[in-house]
Amino acid sequence: MTPRASLGDRALGQLVDGLIVLGLFFFVGMLLADRFGGMTAQGFELTGLPALILFGILGAVMLAYFIVCEALFGVTLGKVVAEIRVTTEDGRPIGFRASLIRNLMRLVDGLAGYLVAAFSVILTSRGLRLGDLAAGTIVTRREAGRATRAGALAAALVVAIGGIVGGFASRSSPPAPGTPREGAPLAATLARSVTADHQPVEPTTTFSPEDPSINVAFKVTNVPPGSRLKAVWTAVDIGDAAPPNLELDESVLVVTGSAPGTFRLSRGPRPWPAGDYRVDLYLDDELVTTLAYKVSR
């Protein structure tokens, strides 16, 4: 009798296939963030509709990956590494219908980080997750050569690393200070001061501890009437002066149409502590841009 795959075997397969998810997540996420204004200094942050689009694309591509690979070959890259294979009860290929049913059930099996699947494998006498029970499939052990396993792992790593590197490489070059990106609802520039008509004076991302204020000169473009533009100022890392990611201030302006404006964070009686800061700008509670800056002596 062919030995059944253990819970550990399945977990290893999921972990390796997760590398593909990671690469795809970064690549698609960076593309969407560059389009919708969710770039940050460390990567990207998407909320609302852009986040739904990201997870929709991610889910559709990974579902297609599992369905096609298991229907045609009985394995994914992760299953090759884990030396397991999906078959029918009598050892035949499962085909597209069973593969579709099996993988659509991941919506249930994957709840709570695949805990539902784990409990099903443990509690059923034949070690089956709910997707296997619904599709009439089993997962068995099947030895693969060392070179085959190494090749599958290398392929998964290439996808993961390639997705991350490709995502960062796809980032658009930043526009010149004060120049709005085409199609963006907001253009913003850090500056030491701002004119009466909201034009930046001495644009910079490095400020002195003695600067009286940190200013963001912005211009909104074609925003609906009554839109709320919010600035959240954060001290990311200022050493012992404060805990990391301390929110310093928050202010909100009501904006309409296409118009310039200014956000200002004024210094108190003491100099600005040296370190890394950022200001996040939200349009109707959706993050549209993050401006990172430093204070140095």
C-alpha atoms as a PDB file:
ATOM      1  CA  MET A   1       0.000   0.000   0.000  1.00  0.00           C
ATOM      2  CA  THR A   2       1.362   3.390  -0.944  1.00  0.00           C
ATOM      3  CA  PRO A   3       2.137   5.421   2.221  1.00  0.00           C
ATOM      4  CA  ARG A   4      -0.032   8.465   2.777  1.00  0.00           C
ATOM      5  CA  ALA A   5       1.460  11.939   3.129  1.00  0.00           C
ATOM      6  CA  SER A   6       1.850  13.117   6.703  1.00  0.00           C
ATOM      7  CA  LEU A   7       0.805  16.512   8.036  1.00  0.00           C
ATOM      8  CA  GLY A   8       4.493  17.495   8.049  1.00  0.00           C
ATOM      9  CA  ASP A   9       4.843  16.513   4.374  1.00  0.00           C
ATOM     10  CA  ARG A  10       1.860  18.668   3.462  1.00  0.00           C
ATOM     11  CA  ALA A  11       3.164  21.587   5.524  1.00  0.00           C
ATOM     12  CA  LEU A  12       6.532  21.445   3.772  1.00  0.00           C
ATOM     13  CA  GLY A  13       4.824  21.492   0.387  1.00  0.00           C
ATOM     14  CA  GLN A  14       2.708  24.500   1.385  1.00  0.00           C
ATOM     15  CA  LEU A  15       5.786  26.307   2.683  1.00  0.00           C
ATOM     16  CA  VAL A  16       7.656  25.920  -0.600  1.00  0.00           C
ATOM     17  CA  ASP A  17       4.613  26.915  -2.655  1.00  0.00           C
ATOM     18  CA  GLY A  18       4.356  29.912  -0.320  1.00  0.00           C
ATOM     19  CA  LEU A  19       7.601  31.192  -1.850  1.00  0.00           C
ATOM     20  CA  ILE A  20       5.707  31.623  -5.124  1.00  0.00           C
ATOM     21  CA  VAL A  21       2.977  33.512  -3.283  1.00  0.00           C
ATOM     22  CA  LEU A  22       5.644  35.782  -1.752  1.00  0.00           C
ATOM     23  CA  GLY A  23       7.227  36.651  -5.091  1.00  0.00           C
ATOM     24  CA  LEU A  24       3.875  37.285  -6.748  1.00  0.00           C
ATOM     25  CA  PHE A  25       2.692  39.377  -3.785  1.00  0.00           C
ATOM     26  CA  PHE A  26       5.662  41.740  -3.981  1.00  0.00           C
ATOM     27  CA  PHE A  27       5.671  42.032  -7.771  1.00  0.00           C
ATOM     28  CA  VAL A  28       1.963  42.726  -8.221  1.00  0.00           C
ATOM     29  CA  GLY A  29       1.821  44.801  -5.040  1.00  0.00           C
ATOM     30  CA  MET A  30       4.621  47.085  -6.238  1.00  0.00           C
ATOM     31  CA  LEU A  31       2.970  47.551  -9.621  1.00  0.00           C
ATOM     32  CA  LEU A  32      -0.345  48.482  -8.019  1.00  0.00           C
ATOM     33  CA  ALA A  33       1.274  50.736  -5.399  1.00  0.00           C
ATOM     34  CA  ASP A  34       3.163  52.594  -8.113  1.00  0.00           C
ATOM     35  CA  ARG A  35      -0.126  53.138  -9.932  1.00  0.00           C
ATOM     36  CA  PHE A  36      -2.311  53.993  -6.933  1.00  0.00           C
ATOM     37  CA  GLY A  37       0.224  55.858  -4.791  1.00  0.00           C
ATOM     38  CA  GLY A  38       0.878  53.298  -2.053  1.00  0.00           C
ATOM     39  CA  MET A  39       4.680  53.299  -2.142  1.00  0.00           C
ATOM     40  CA  THR A  40       6.606  53.530   1.139  1.00  0.00           C
ATOM     41  CA  ALA A  41      10.320  53.727   1.913  1.00  0.00           C
ATOM     42  CA  GLN A  42      10.355  49.997   2.795  1.00  0.00           C
ATOM     43  CA  GLY A  43       8.051  48.737   0.050  1.00  0.00           C
ATOM     44  CA  PHE A  44       4.332  49.392  -0.318  1.00  0.00           C
ATOM     45  CA  GLU A  45       1.116  49.744   1.633  1.00  0.00           C
ATOM     46  CA  LEU A  46      -2.242  49.257  -0.049  1.00  0.00           C
ATOM     47  CA  THR A  47      -5.704  49.729   1.404  1.00  0.00           C
ATOM     48  CA  GLY A  48      -9.243  49.741   0.061  1.00  0.00           C
ATOM     49  CA  LEU A  49      -9.820  48.853  -3.597  1.00  0.00           C
ATOM     50  CA  PRO A  50      -6.086  48.495  -4.527  1.00  0.00           C
ATOM     51  CA  ALA A  51      -5.667  45.945  -1.708  1.00  0.00           C
ATOM     52  CA  LEU A  52      -8.721  44.015  -2.938  1.00  0.00           C
ATOM     53  CA  ILE A  53      -7.301  44.011  -6.469  1.00  0.00           C
ATOM     54  CA  LEU A  54      -3.954  42.699  -5.170  1.00  0.00           C
ATOM     55  CA  PHE A  55      -5.499  39.815  -3.245  1.00  0.00           C
ATOM     56  CA  GLY A  56      -7.894  39.076  -6.097  1.00  0.00           C
ATOM     57  CA  ILE A  57      -5.014  38.721  -8.576  1.00  0.00           C
ATOM     58  CA  LEU A  58      -2.958  36.739  -6.068  1.00  0.00           C
ATOM     59  CA  GLY A  59      -5.817  34.340  -5.357  1.00  0.00           C
ATOM     60  CA  ALA A  60      -6.707  33.824  -9.026  1.00  0.00           C
ATOM     61  CA  VAL A  61      -3.122  33.134 -10.138  1.00  0.00           C
ATOM     62  CA  MET A  62      -2.337  30.760  -7.267  1.00  0.00           C
ATOM     63  CA  LEU A  63      -5.653  28.918  -7.742  1.00  0.00           C
ATOM     64  CA  ALA A  64      -4.817  28.434 -11.422  1.00  0.00           C
ATOM     65  CA  TYR A  65      -1.298  27.273 -10.461  1.00  0.00           C
ATOM     66  CA  PHE A  66      -2.609  24.569  -8.118  1.00  0.00           C
ATOM     67  CA  ILE A  67      -5.431  23.444 -10.419  1.00  0.00           C
ATOM     68  CA  VAL A  68      -3.298  23.105 -13.562  1.00  0.00           C
ATOM     69  CA  CYS A  69      -0.232  21.552 -11.897  1.00  0.00           C
ATOM     70  CA  GLU A  70      -2.203  18.990  -9.909  1.00  0.00           C
ATOM     71  CA  ALA A  71      -4.501  18.129 -12.833  1.00  0.00           C
ATOM     72  CA  LEU A  72      -1.645  17.603 -15.313  1.00  0.00           C
ATOM     73  CA  PHE A  73       1.190  16.350 -13.100  1.00  0.00           C
ATOM     74  CA  GLY A  74      -0.256  15.578  -9.675  1.00  0.00           C
ATOM     75  CA  VAL A  75       2.347  17.848  -8.101  1.00  0.00           C
ATOM     76  CA  THR A  76       3.323  21.450  -7.545  1.00  0.00           C
ATOM     77  CA  LEU A  77       6.884  22.627  -6.896  1.00  0.00           C
ATOM     78  CA  GLY A  78       6.198  22.338  -3.187  1.00  0.00           C
ATOM     79  CA  LYS A  79       4.901  18.793  -3.503  1.00  0.00           C
ATOM     80  CA  VAL A  80       8.002  17.775  -5.480  1.00  0.00           C
ATOM     81  CA  VAL A  81      10.217  19.056  -2.651  1.00  0.00           C
ATOM     82  CA  ALA A  82       8.056  17.307  -0.050  1.00  0.00           C
ATOM     83  CA  GLU A  83       7.977  14.087  -2.151  1.00  0.00           C
ATOM     84  CA  ILE A  84       4.185  13.861  -2.206  1.00  0.00           C
ATOM     85  CA  ARG A  85       1.652  13.520  -5.017  1.00  0.00           C
ATOM     86  CA  VAL A  86      -2.118  13.960  -5.486  1.00  0.00           C
ATOM     87  CA  THR A  87      -3.927  11.008  -7.099  1.00  0.00           C
ATOM     88  CA  THR A  88      -7.291   9.285  -7.153  1.00  0.00           C
ATOM     89  CA  GLU A  89      -7.913   6.430  -4.719  1.00  0.00           C
ATOM     90  CA  ASP A  90      -6.676   3.940  -7.336  1.00  0.00           C
ATOM     91  CA  GLY A  91      -3.550   5.922  -8.153  1.00  0.00           C
ATOM     92  CA  ARG A  92      -4.661   7.611 -11.383  1.00  0.00           C
ATOM     93  CA  PRO A  93      -4.223  11.321 -12.289  1.00  0.00           C
ATOM     94  CA  ILE A  94      -7.018  13.362 -10.775  1.00  0.00           C
ATOM     95  CA  GLY A  95      -7.977  15.431 -13.870  1.00  0.00           C
ATOM     96  CA  PHE A  96      -9.250  18.977 -14.033  1.00  0.00           C
ATOM     97  CA  ARG A  97     -12.689  18.459 -12.461  1.00  0.00           C
ATOM     98  CA  ALA A  98     -11.343  16.896  -9.273  1.00  0.00           C
ATOM     99  CA  SER A  99      -8.477  19.385  -9.179  1.00  0.00           C
ATOM    100  CA  LEU A 100     -10.919  22.292  -9.440  1.00  0.00           C
ATOM    101  CA  ILE A 101     -13.066  20.939  -6.585  1.00  0.00           C
ATOM    102  CA  ARG A 102     -10.039  20.115  -4.437  1.00  0.00           C
ATOM    103  CA  ASN A 103      -8.505  23.558  -4.801  1.00  0.00           C
ATOM    104  CA  LEU A 104     -11.701  25.587  -4.499  1.00  0.00           C
ATOM    105  CA  MET A 105     -12.037  23.932  -1.094  1.00  0.00           C
ATOM    106  CA  ARG A 106      -8.850  25.763  -0.056  1.00  0.00           C
ATOM    107  CA  LEU A 107     -11.197  28.645   0.739  1.00  0.00           C
ATOM    108  CA  VAL A 108     -12.380  26.508   3.657  1.00  0.00           C
ATOM    109  CA  ASP A 109      -9.269  24.410   4.345  1.00  0.00           C
ATOM    110  CA  GLY A 110      -7.134  27.566   4.432  1.00  0.00           C
ATOM    111  CA  LEU A 111      -9.099  29.240   7.222  1.00  0.00           C
ATOM    112  CA  ALA A 112      -7.067  30.215  10.301  1.00  0.00           C
ATOM    113  CA  GLY A 113      -3.788  29.597   8.506  1.00  0.00           C
ATOM    114  CA  TYR A 114      -4.754  26.118   7.259  1.00  0.00           C
ATOM    115  CA  LEU A 115      -5.753  24.976  10.741  1.00  0.00           C
ATOM    116  CA  VAL A 116      -9.011  23.607   9.305  1.00  0.00           C
ATOM    117  CA  ALA A 117      -7.003  21.456   6.887  1.00  0.00           C
ATOM    118  CA  ALA A 118      -4.621  20.375   9.652  1.00  0.00           C
ATOM    119  CA  PHE A 119      -7.468  19.221  11.911  1.00  0.00           C
ATOM    120  CA  SER A 120      -9.089  17.378   9.014  1.00  0.00           C
ATOM    121  CA  VAL A 121      -5.846  15.525   8.211  1.00  0.00           C
ATOM    122  CA  ILE A 122      -5.389  14.585  11.867  1.00  0.00           C
ATOM    123  CA  LEU A 123      -8.975  13.524  12.527  1.00  0.00           C
ATOM    124  CA  THR A 124      -9.761  11.549   9.347  1.00  0.00           C
ATOM    125  CA  SER A 125      -8.643   7.948   9.290  1.00  0.00           C
ATOM    126  CA  ARG A 126      -7.008   8.324   5.860  1.00  0.00           C
ATOM    127  CA  GLY A 127      -5.333  11.678   6.589  1.00  0.00           C
ATOM    128  CA  LEU A 128      -7.431  13.757   4.168  1.00  0.00           C
ATOM    129  CA  ARG A 129      -8.231  17.453   4.173  1.00  0.00           C
ATOM    130  CA  LEU A 130     -11.725  18.633   3.258  1.00  0.00           C
ATOM    131  CA  GLY A 131     -10.699  19.278  -0.350  1.00  0.00           C
ATOM    132  CA  ASP A 132      -9.618  15.652  -0.730  1.00  0.00           C
ATOM    133  CA  LEU A 133     -12.870  14.397   0.765  1.00  0.00           C
ATOM    134  CA  ALA A 134     -14.914  16.544  -1.620  1.00  0.00           C
ATOM    135  CA  ALA A 135     -12.879  15.655  -4.721  1.00  0.00           C
ATOM    136  CA  GLY A 136     -12.239  11.969  -3.967  1.00  0.00           C
ATOM    137  CA  THR A 137      -8.460  12.428  -3.978  1.00  0.00           C
ATOM    138  CA  ILE A 138      -5.612  11.325  -1.756  1.00  0.00           C
ATOM    139  CA  VAL A 139      -2.081  12.600  -1.156  1.00  0.00           C
ATOM    140  CA  THR A 140       0.599   9.923  -1.057  1.00  0.00           C
ATOM    141  CA  ARG A 141       4.335   9.729  -0.560  1.00  0.00           C
ATOM    142  CA  ARG A 142       6.395   9.344  -3.737  1.00  0.00           C
ATOM    143  CA  GLU A 143      10.167   9.462  -3.721  1.00  0.00           C
ATOM    144  CA  ALA A 144      11.883  12.014  -5.953  1.00  0.00           C
ATOM    145  CA  GLY A 145      15.575  12.213  -6.692  1.00  0.00           C
ATOM    146  CA  ARG A 146      17.739  14.685  -4.826  1.00  0.00           C
ATOM    147  CA  ALA A 147      18.422  16.627  -8.003  1.00  0.00           C
ATOM    148  CA  THR A 148      14.698  16.854  -8.797  1.00  0.00           C
ATOM    149  CA  ARG A 149      13.876  18.143  -5.334  1.00  0.00           C
ATOM    150  CA  ALA A 150      16.730  20.639  -5.432  1.00  0.00           C
ATOM    151  CA  GLY A 151      15.597  21.862  -8.843  1.00  0.00           C
ATOM    152  CA  ALA A 152      12.012  22.376  -7.638  1.00  0.00           C
ATOM    153  CA  LEU A 153      13.190  24.289  -4.567  1.00  0.00           C
ATOM    154  CA  ALA A 154      15.507  26.421  -6.707  1.00  0.00           C
ATOM    155  CA  ALA A 155      12.636  27.233  -9.077  1.00  0.00           C
ATOM    156  CA  ALA A 156      10.428  28.351  -6.176  1.00  0.00           C
ATOM    157  CA  LEU A 157      13.248  30.510  -4.787  1.00  0.00           C
ATOM    158  CA  VAL A 158      13.823  32.077  -8.211  1.00  0.00           C
ATOM    159  CA  VAL A 159      10.149  33.056  -8.393  1.00  0.00           C
ATOM    160  CA  ALA A 160      10.245  34.519  -4.870  1.00  0.00           C
ATOM    161  CA  ILE A 161      13.477  36.471  -5.301  1.00  0.00           C
ATOM    162  CA  GLY A 162      12.629  37.461  -8.858  1.00  0.00           C
ATOM    163  CA  GLY A 163       9.247  38.802  -7.758  1.00  0.00           C
ATOM    164  CA  ILE A 164      10.754  40.900  -4.980  1.00  0.00           C
ATOM    165  CA  VAL A 165      13.606  42.251  -7.105  1.00  0.00           C
ATOM    166  CA  GLY A 166      11.318  42.799 -10.096  1.00  0.00           C
ATOM    167  CA  GLY A 167       8.811  44.630  -7.923  1.00  0.00           C
ATOM    168  CA  PHE A 168      11.398  47.070  -6.602  1.00  0.00           C
ATOM    169  CA  ALA A 169      12.901  47.489 -10.075  1.00  0.00           C
ATOM    170  CA  SER A 170       9.478  48.405 -11.479  1.00  0.00           C
ATOM    171  CA  ARG A 171       9.138  51.439  -9.226  1.00  0.00           C
ATOM    172  CA  SER A 172       8.890  54.647 -11.203  1.00  0.00           C
ATOM    173  CA  SER A 173      11.586  57.263 -10.811  1.00  0.00           C
ATOM    174  CA  PRO A 174      10.403  59.929  -8.364  1.00  0.00           C
ATOM    175  CA  PRO A 175       9.182  63.121 -10.014  1.00  0.00           C
ATOM    176  CA  ALA A 176      10.982  66.404  -9.562  1.00  0.00           C
ATOM    177  CA  PRO A 177       9.916  68.338  -6.443  1.00  0.00           C
ATOM    178  CA  GLY A 178       6.463  69.818  -6.906  1.00  0.00           C
ATOM    179  CA  THR A 179       5.787  67.907 -10.147  1.00  0.00           C
ATOM    180  CA  PRO A 180       2.585  65.826  -9.958  1.00  0.00           C
ATOM    181  CA  ARG A 181       2.766  62.288 -11.320  1.00  0.00           C
ATOM    182  CA  GLU A 182       0.464  61.743 -14.270  1.00  0.00           C
ATOM    183  CA  GLY A 183      -2.925  60.577 -13.121  1.00  0.00           C
ATOM    184  CA  ALA A 184      -2.152  60.981  -9.407  1.00  0.00           C
ATOM    185  CA  PRO A 185      -4.745  62.879  -7.314  1.00  0.00           C
ATOM    186  CA  LEU A 186      -2.042  64.369  -5.119  1.00  0.00           C
ATOM    187  CA  ALA A 187       1.469  65.771  -5.560  1.00  0.00           C
ATOM    188  CA  ALA A 188       3.373  66.662  -2.389  1.00  0.00           C
ATOM    189  CA  THR A 189       6.815  68.079  -1.575  1.00  0.00           C
ATOM    190  CA  LEU A 190       8.684  68.482   1.697  1.00  0.00           C
ATOM    191  CA  ALA A 191      10.221  71.935   2.147  1.00  0.00           C
ATOM    192  CA  ARG A 192      11.742  74.226   4.777  1.00  0.00           C
ATOM    193  CA  SER A 193       9.083  76.837   4.119  1.00  0.00           C
ATOM    194  CA  VAL A 194       6.140  77.575   1.837  1.00  0.00           C
ATOM    195  CA  THR A 195       5.033  80.748   0.057  1.00  0.00           C
ATOM    196  CA  ALA A 196       1.658  82.389   0.580  1.00  0.00           C
ATOM    197  CA  ASP A 197       0.350  80.590  -2.522  1.00  0.00           C
ATOM    198  CA  HIS A 198       1.607  77.216  -1.236  1.00  0.00           C
ATOM    199  CA  GLN A 199       4.747  76.887  -3.372  1.00  0.00           C
ATOM    200  CA  PRO A 200       7.640  75.002  -1.700  1.00  0.00           C
ATOM    201  CA  VAL A 201      10.725  76.997  -0.701  1.00  0.00           C
ATOM    202  CA  GLU A 202      13.991  75.019  -0.326  1.00  0.00           C
ATOM    203  CA  PRO A 203      12.556  71.556  -1.078  1.00  0.00           C
ATOM    204  CA  THR A 204      14.488  68.963   0.917  1.00  0.00           C
ATOM    205  CA  THR A 205      14.237  65.640   2.717  1.00  0.00           C
ATOM    206  CA  THR A 206      16.924  66.506   5.282  1.00  0.00           C
ATOM    207  CA  PHE A 207      16.147  69.072   7.968  1.00  0.00           C
ATOM    208  CA  SER A 208      18.161  70.709  10.739  1.00  0.00           C
ATOM    209  CA  PRO A 209      17.241  70.279  14.417  1.00  0.00           C
ATOM    210  CA  GLU A 210      16.802  74.071  14.524  1.00  0.00           C
ATOM    211  CA  ASP A 211      14.394  74.367  11.587  1.00  0.00           C
ATOM    212  CA  PRO A 212      11.234  76.044  12.920  1.00  0.00           C
ATOM    213  CA  SER A 213       8.885  73.790  10.957  1.00  0.00           C
ATOM    214  CA  ILE A 214       8.583  70.875   8.559  1.00  0.00           C
ATOM    215  CA  ASN A 215       6.301  71.733   5.641  1.00  0.00           C
ATOM    216  CA  VAL A 216       4.460  69.742   3.009  1.00  0.00           C
ATOM    217  CA  ALA A 217       3.325  71.753  -0.003  1.00  0.00           C
ATOM    218  CA  PHE A 218       0.698  69.794  -1.915  1.00  0.00           C
ATOM    219  CA  LYS A 219      -1.673  70.056  -4.827  1.00  0.00           C
ATOM    220  CA  VAL A 220      -4.770  67.935  -5.274  1.00  0.00           C
ATOM    221  CA  THR A 221      -6.126  67.248  -8.743  1.00  0.00           C
ATOM    222  CA  ASN A 222      -9.766  66.581  -9.634  1.00  0.00           C
ATOM    223  CA  VAL A 223     -10.835  65.343  -6.208  1.00  0.00           C
ATOM    224  CA  PRO A 224     -14.562  65.189  -5.379  1.00  0.00           C
ATOM    225  CA  PRO A 225     -16.107  68.044  -3.378  1.00  0.00           C
ATOM    226  CA  GLY A 226     -15.659  67.724   0.368  1.00  0.00           C
ATOM    227  CA  SER A 227     -12.758  65.240   0.193  1.00  0.00           C
ATOM    228  CA  ARG A 228     -10.684  64.932   3.373  1.00  0.00           C
ATOM    229  CA  LEU A 229      -6.903  65.118   3.096  1.00  0.00           C
ATOM    230  CA  LYS A 230      -5.134  63.960   6.245  1.00  0.00           C
ATOM    231  CA  ALA A 231      -1.460  64.230   7.230  1.00  0.00           C
ATOM    232  CA  VAL A 232      -0.053  61.890   9.890  1.00  0.00           C
ATOM    233  CA  TRP A 233       3.444  62.788  11.143  1.00  0.00           C
ATOM    234  CA  THR A 234       5.516  59.940  12.610  1.00  0.00           C
ATOM    235  CA  ALA A 235       8.933  59.727  14.260  1.00  0.00           C
ATOM    236  CA  VAL A 236      10.132  56.438  12.778  1.00  0.00           C
ATOM    237  CA  ASP A 237      13.445  56.125  14.638  1.00  0.00           C
ATOM    238  CA  ILE A 238      14.851  58.941  16.777  1.00  0.00           C
ATOM    239  CA  GLY A 239      16.929  56.826  19.146  1.00  0.00           C
ATOM    240  CA  ASP A 240      16.313  57.190  22.867  1.00  0.00           C
ATOM    241  CA  ALA A 241      14.237  60.342  22.412  1.00  0.00           C
ATOM    242  CA  ALA A 242      11.052  58.340  21.768  1.00  0.00           C
ATOM    243  CA  PRO A 243       9.850  54.797  21.028  1.00  0.00           C
ATOM    244  CA  PRO A 244       9.904  53.713  17.356  1.00  0.00           C
ATOM    245  CA  ASN A 245       7.039  54.790  15.083  1.00  0.00           C
ATOM    246  CA  LEU A 246       5.695  57.380  17.512  1.00  0.00           C
ATOM    247  CA  GLU A 247       2.844  59.422  16.028  1.00  0.00           C
ATOM    248  CA  LEU A 248       3.659  63.106  16.506  1.00  0.00           C
ATOM    249  CA  ASP A 249       0.630  64.861  15.056  1.00  0.00           C
ATOM    250  CA  GLU A 250      -2.359  64.530  12.777  1.00  0.00           C
ATOM    251  CA  SER A 251      -4.212  67.205  10.835  1.00  0.00           C
ATOM    252  CA  VAL A 252      -7.078  67.183   8.330  1.00  0.00           C
ATOM    253  CA  LEU A 253      -8.045  69.603   5.556  1.00  0.00           C
ATOM    254  CA  VAL A 254     -11.177  69.554   3.425  1.00  0.00           C
ATOM    255  CA  VAL A 255     -10.208  69.853  -0.254  1.00  0.00           C
ATOM    256  CA  THR A 256     -12.173  70.144  -3.481  1.00  0.00           C
ATOM    257  CA  GLY A 257     -11.295  70.032  -7.184  1.00  0.00           C
ATOM    258  CA  SER A 258      -7.750  71.041  -8.066  1.00  0.00           C
ATOM    259  CA  ALA A 259      -6.016  73.299  -5.564  1.00  0.00           C
ATOM    260  CA  PRO A 260      -2.738  73.746  -3.664  1.00  0.00           C
ATOM    261  CA  GLY A 261      -2.333  73.680   0.108  1.00  0.00           C
ATOM    262  CA  THR A 262       0.102  73.218   2.973  1.00  0.00           C
ATOM    263  CA  PHE A 263       0.547  70.966   5.985  1.00  0.00           C
ATOM    264  CA  ARG A 264       2.953  72.243   8.652  1.00  0.00           C
ATOM    265  CA  LEU A 265       4.486  70.603  11.718  1.00  0.00           C
ATOM    266  CA  SER A 266       5.961  73.306  13.952  1.00  0.00           C
ATOM    267  CA  ARG A 267       8.863  72.791  16.340  1.00  0.00           C
ATOM    268  CA  GLY A 268       8.357  73.387  20.041  1.00  0.00           C
ATOM    269  CA  PRO A 269      10.878  75.015  22.354  1.00  0.00           C
ATOM    270  CA  ARG A 270      13.370  72.159  21.889  1.00  0.00           C
ATOM    271  CA  PRO A 271      15.261  71.180  18.711  1.00  0.00           C
ATOM    272  CA  TRP A 272      14.009  68.304  16.576  1.00  0.00           C
ATOM    273  CA  PRO A 273      15.675  65.044  17.715  1.00  0.00           C
ATOM    274  CA  ALA A 274      17.987  63.620  15.046  1.00  0.00           C
ATOM    275  CA  GLY A 275      16.685  60.551  13.244  1.00  0.00           C
ATOM    276  CA  ASP A 276      14.220  59.237  10.644  1.00  0.00           C
ATOM    277  CA  TYR A 277      10.688  60.569  10.193  1.00  0.00           C
ATOM    278  CA  ARG A 278       7.816  60.303   7.743  1.00  0.00           C
ATOM    279  CA  VAL A 279       4.524  61.956   6.917  1.00  0.00           C
ATOM    280  CA  ASP A 280       1.683  59.836   5.513  1.00  0.00           C
ATOM    281  CA  LEU A 281      -0.965  61.572   3.406  1.00  0.00           C
ATOM    282  CA  TYR A 282      -4.438  60.044   3.227  1.00  0.00           C
ATOM    283  CA  LEU A 283      -7.238  61.056   0.860  1.00  0.00           C
ATOM    284  CA  ASP A 284     -10.577  60.034   2.359  1.00  0.00           C
ATOM    285  CA  ASP A 285      -8.755  57.574   4.652  1.00  0.00           C
ATOM    286  CA  GLU A 286      -6.868  55.914   1.756  1.00  0.00           C
ATOM    287  CA  LEU A 287      -3.079  56.232   1.909  1.00  0.00           C
ATOM    288  CA  VAL A 288      -1.933  57.990  -1.264  1.00  0.00           C
ATOM    289  CA  THR A 289       1.697  58.820  -0.519  1.00  0.00           C
ATOM    290  CA  THR A 290       4.391  58.659   2.141  1.00  0.00           C
ATOM    291  CA  LEU A 291       7.175  61.241   2.381  1.00  0.00           C
ATOM    292  CA  ALA A 292      10.239  60.146   4.340  1.00  0.00           C
ATOM    293  CA  TYR A 293      12.671  62.680   5.778  1.00  0.00           C
ATOM    294  CA  LYS A 294      15.589  62.962   8.184  1.00  0.00           C
ATOM    295  CA  VAL A 295      16.726  65.354  10.845  1.00  0.00           C
ATOM    296  CA  SER A 296      20.504  65.538  11.129  1.00  0.00           C
ATOM    297  CA  ARG A 297      23.040  67.902  12.627  1.00  0.00           C
END
